[in-house]
């Protein structure tokens, strides 16, 4: 069964480093979607894929939150609004 989540948080880390980290783990878990820096410190992730892959990806984010300086993490269900074509993109 597939699942999509919208994950938002505040990051005090370099967005390029964070983008690489998120893309690496999204691909590892077979997810598609995007990561986008909304403002200087606010970041939005859309992650879609198998329920198991999305849950493992979310666990990775939570475990790395302190190291990657992620704060105020909010997770909510998301209805897929476009075709990500099996790719996880970084939008700057």
C-alpha atoms as a PDB file:
ATOM      1  CA  UNK A   1       0.000   0.000   0.000  1.00  0.00           C
ATOM      2  CA  UNK A   2       1.331   3.443  -0.910  1.00  0.00           C
ATOM      3  CA  UNK A   3       1.513   6.430   1.394  1.00  0.00           C
ATOM      4  CA  UNK A   4       2.364  10.120   0.991  1.00  0.00           C
ATOM      5  CA  UNK A   5       3.465  12.474   3.760  1.00  0.00           C
ATOM      6  CA  UNK A   6       4.185  16.176   3.948  1.00  0.00           C
ATOM      7  CA  UNK A   7       6.997  16.796   6.413  1.00  0.00           C
ATOM      8  CA  UNK A   8       7.849  20.352   7.430  1.00  0.00           C
ATOM      9  CA  UNK A   9      10.517  21.552   9.821  1.00  0.00           C
ATOM     10  CA  UNK A  10      12.969  24.293  10.667  1.00  0.00           C
ATOM     11  CA  UNK A  11      16.577  23.579   9.749  1.00  0.00           C
ATOM     12  CA  UNK A  12      19.601  25.410  11.068  1.00  0.00           C
ATOM     13  CA  UNK A  13      21.818  23.389   8.745  1.00  0.00           C
ATOM     14  CA  UNK A  14      23.102  24.155   5.251  1.00  0.00           C
ATOM     15  CA  UNK A  15      20.254  23.368   2.817  1.00  0.00           C
ATOM     16  CA  UNK A  16      22.606  21.810   0.241  1.00  0.00           C
ATOM     17  CA  UNK A  17      23.935  19.304   2.767  1.00  0.00           C
ATOM     18  CA  UNK A  18      20.405  18.606   3.982  1.00  0.00           C
ATOM     19  CA  UNK A  19      19.164  18.137   0.411  1.00  0.00           C
ATOM     20  CA  UNK A  20      21.865  15.557  -0.312  1.00  0.00           C
ATOM     21  CA  UNK A  21      21.106  13.705   2.924  1.00  0.00           C
ATOM     22  CA  UNK A  22      17.351  13.596   2.255  1.00  0.00           C
ATOM     23  CA  UNK A  23      17.750  12.574  -1.398  1.00  0.00           C
ATOM     24  CA  UNK A  24      20.149   9.774  -0.452  1.00  0.00           C
ATOM     25  CA  UNK A  25      17.760   8.277   2.095  1.00  0.00           C
ATOM     26  CA  UNK A  26      14.673   8.787  -0.056  1.00  0.00           C
ATOM     27  CA  UNK A  27      16.316   6.871  -2.901  1.00  0.00           C
ATOM     28  CA  UNK A  28      17.502   4.195  -0.460  1.00  0.00           C
ATOM     29  CA  UNK A  29      13.868   3.589   0.553  1.00  0.00           C
ATOM     30  CA  UNK A  30      12.486   3.813  -2.995  1.00  0.00           C
ATOM     31  CA  UNK A  31      10.569   7.066  -2.486  1.00  0.00           C
ATOM     32  CA  UNK A  32       9.577   9.770  -4.899  1.00  0.00           C
ATOM     33  CA  UNK A  33       8.780  13.384  -4.138  1.00  0.00           C
ATOM     34  CA  UNK A  34      10.667  16.543  -3.343  1.00  0.00           C
ATOM     35  CA  UNK A  35      12.454  18.640  -0.773  1.00  0.00           C
ATOM     36  CA  UNK A  36      12.075  22.400  -0.954  1.00  0.00           C
ATOM     37  CA  UNK A  37      13.487  25.258   1.112  1.00  0.00           C
ATOM     38  CA  UNK A  38      10.521  27.591   1.667  1.00  0.00           C
ATOM     39  CA  UNK A  39      12.368  30.381   3.431  1.00  0.00           C
ATOM     40  CA  UNK A  40      15.793  30.691   4.956  1.00  0.00           C
ATOM     41  CA  UNK A  41      15.148  28.031   7.586  1.00  0.00           C
ATOM     42  CA  UNK A  42      11.800  26.375   6.733  1.00  0.00           C
ATOM     43  CA  UNK A  43      11.882  23.162   4.711  1.00  0.00           C
ATOM     44  CA  UNK A  44       9.104  21.071   3.174  1.00  0.00           C
ATOM     45  CA  UNK A  45       9.411  17.444   2.106  1.00  0.00           C
ATOM     46  CA  UNK A  46       6.845  15.476   0.127  1.00  0.00           C
ATOM     47  CA  UNK A  47       7.627  11.760   0.362  1.00  0.00           C
ATOM     48  CA  UNK A  48       5.571   9.128  -1.477  1.00  0.00           C
ATOM     49  CA  UNK A  49       6.112   5.405  -1.731  1.00  0.00           C
ATOM     50  CA  UNK A  50       5.411   2.154   0.014  1.00  0.00           C
ATOM     51  CA  UNK A  51       4.144   2.543   3.562  1.00  0.00           C
ATOM     52  CA  UNK A  52       7.194   0.656   4.864  1.00  0.00           C
ATOM     53  CA  UNK A  53       9.624   2.852   2.884  1.00  0.00           C
ATOM     54  CA  UNK A  54       7.969   6.079   4.028  1.00  0.00           C
ATOM     55  CA  UNK A  55       8.004   4.944   7.673  1.00  0.00           C
ATOM     56  CA  UNK A  56      11.704   3.985   7.486  1.00  0.00           C
ATOM     57  CA  UNK A  57      12.506   7.345   5.854  1.00  0.00           C
ATOM     58  CA  UNK A  58      10.615   9.178   8.608  1.00  0.00           C
ATOM     59  CA  UNK A  59      12.477   7.178  11.269  1.00  0.00           C
ATOM     60  CA  UNK A  60      15.778   8.197   9.657  1.00  0.00           C
ATOM     61  CA  UNK A  61      14.776  11.879   9.804  1.00  0.00           C
ATOM     62  CA  UNK A  62      13.768  11.650  13.451  1.00  0.00           C
ATOM     63  CA  UNK A  63      16.966   9.806  14.422  1.00  0.00           C
ATOM     64  CA  UNK A  64      19.089  12.406  12.603  1.00  0.00           C
ATOM     65  CA  UNK A  65      17.162  15.458  13.830  1.00  0.00           C
ATOM     66  CA  UNK A  66      19.680  16.527  16.471  1.00  0.00           C
ATOM     67  CA  UNK A  67      22.715  15.939  14.253  1.00  0.00           C
ATOM     68  CA  UNK A  68      21.152  17.727  11.250  1.00  0.00           C
ATOM     69  CA  UNK A  69      19.721  20.509  13.463  1.00  0.00           C
ATOM     70  CA  UNK A  70      16.071  19.875  12.568  1.00  0.00           C
ATOM     71  CA  UNK A  71      13.456  21.437  14.828  1.00  0.00           C
ATOM     72  CA  UNK A  72       9.660  21.670  14.957  1.00  0.00           C
ATOM     73  CA  UNK A  73       9.122  18.613  12.765  1.00  0.00           C
ATOM     74  CA  UNK A  74       5.501  18.291  11.640  1.00  0.00           C
ATOM     75  CA  UNK A  75       4.207  15.276   9.732  1.00  0.00           C
ATOM     76  CA  UNK A  76       0.821  15.061   8.037  1.00  0.00           C
ATOM     77  CA  UNK A  77      -0.825  12.839   5.451  1.00  0.00           C
ATOM     78  CA  UNK A  78      -0.696  14.210   1.926  1.00  0.00           C
ATOM     79  CA  UNK A  79      -2.726  13.486  -1.189  1.00  0.00           C
ATOM     80  CA  UNK A  80      -0.380  13.109  -4.131  1.00  0.00           C
ATOM     81  CA  UNK A  81      -1.095  16.125  -6.337  1.00  0.00           C
ATOM     82  CA  UNK A  82       1.316  15.418  -9.187  1.00  0.00           C
ATOM     83  CA  UNK A  83       3.340  12.685 -10.799  1.00  0.00           C
ATOM     84  CA  UNK A  84       6.871  12.743  -9.430  1.00  0.00           C
ATOM     85  CA  UNK A  85       7.863  10.168 -12.069  1.00  0.00           C
ATOM     86  CA  UNK A  86       9.707   7.955  -9.610  1.00  0.00           C
ATOM     87  CA  UNK A  87      12.274  10.649  -8.774  1.00  0.00           C
ATOM     88  CA  UNK A  88      13.089  12.537  -5.568  1.00  0.00           C
ATOM     89  CA  UNK A  89      13.971  16.144  -6.456  1.00  0.00           C
ATOM     90  CA  UNK A  90      15.616  18.994  -4.596  1.00  0.00           C
ATOM     91  CA  UNK A  91      13.928  22.298  -5.412  1.00  0.00           C
ATOM     92  CA  UNK A  92      15.804  25.441  -4.490  1.00  0.00           C
END
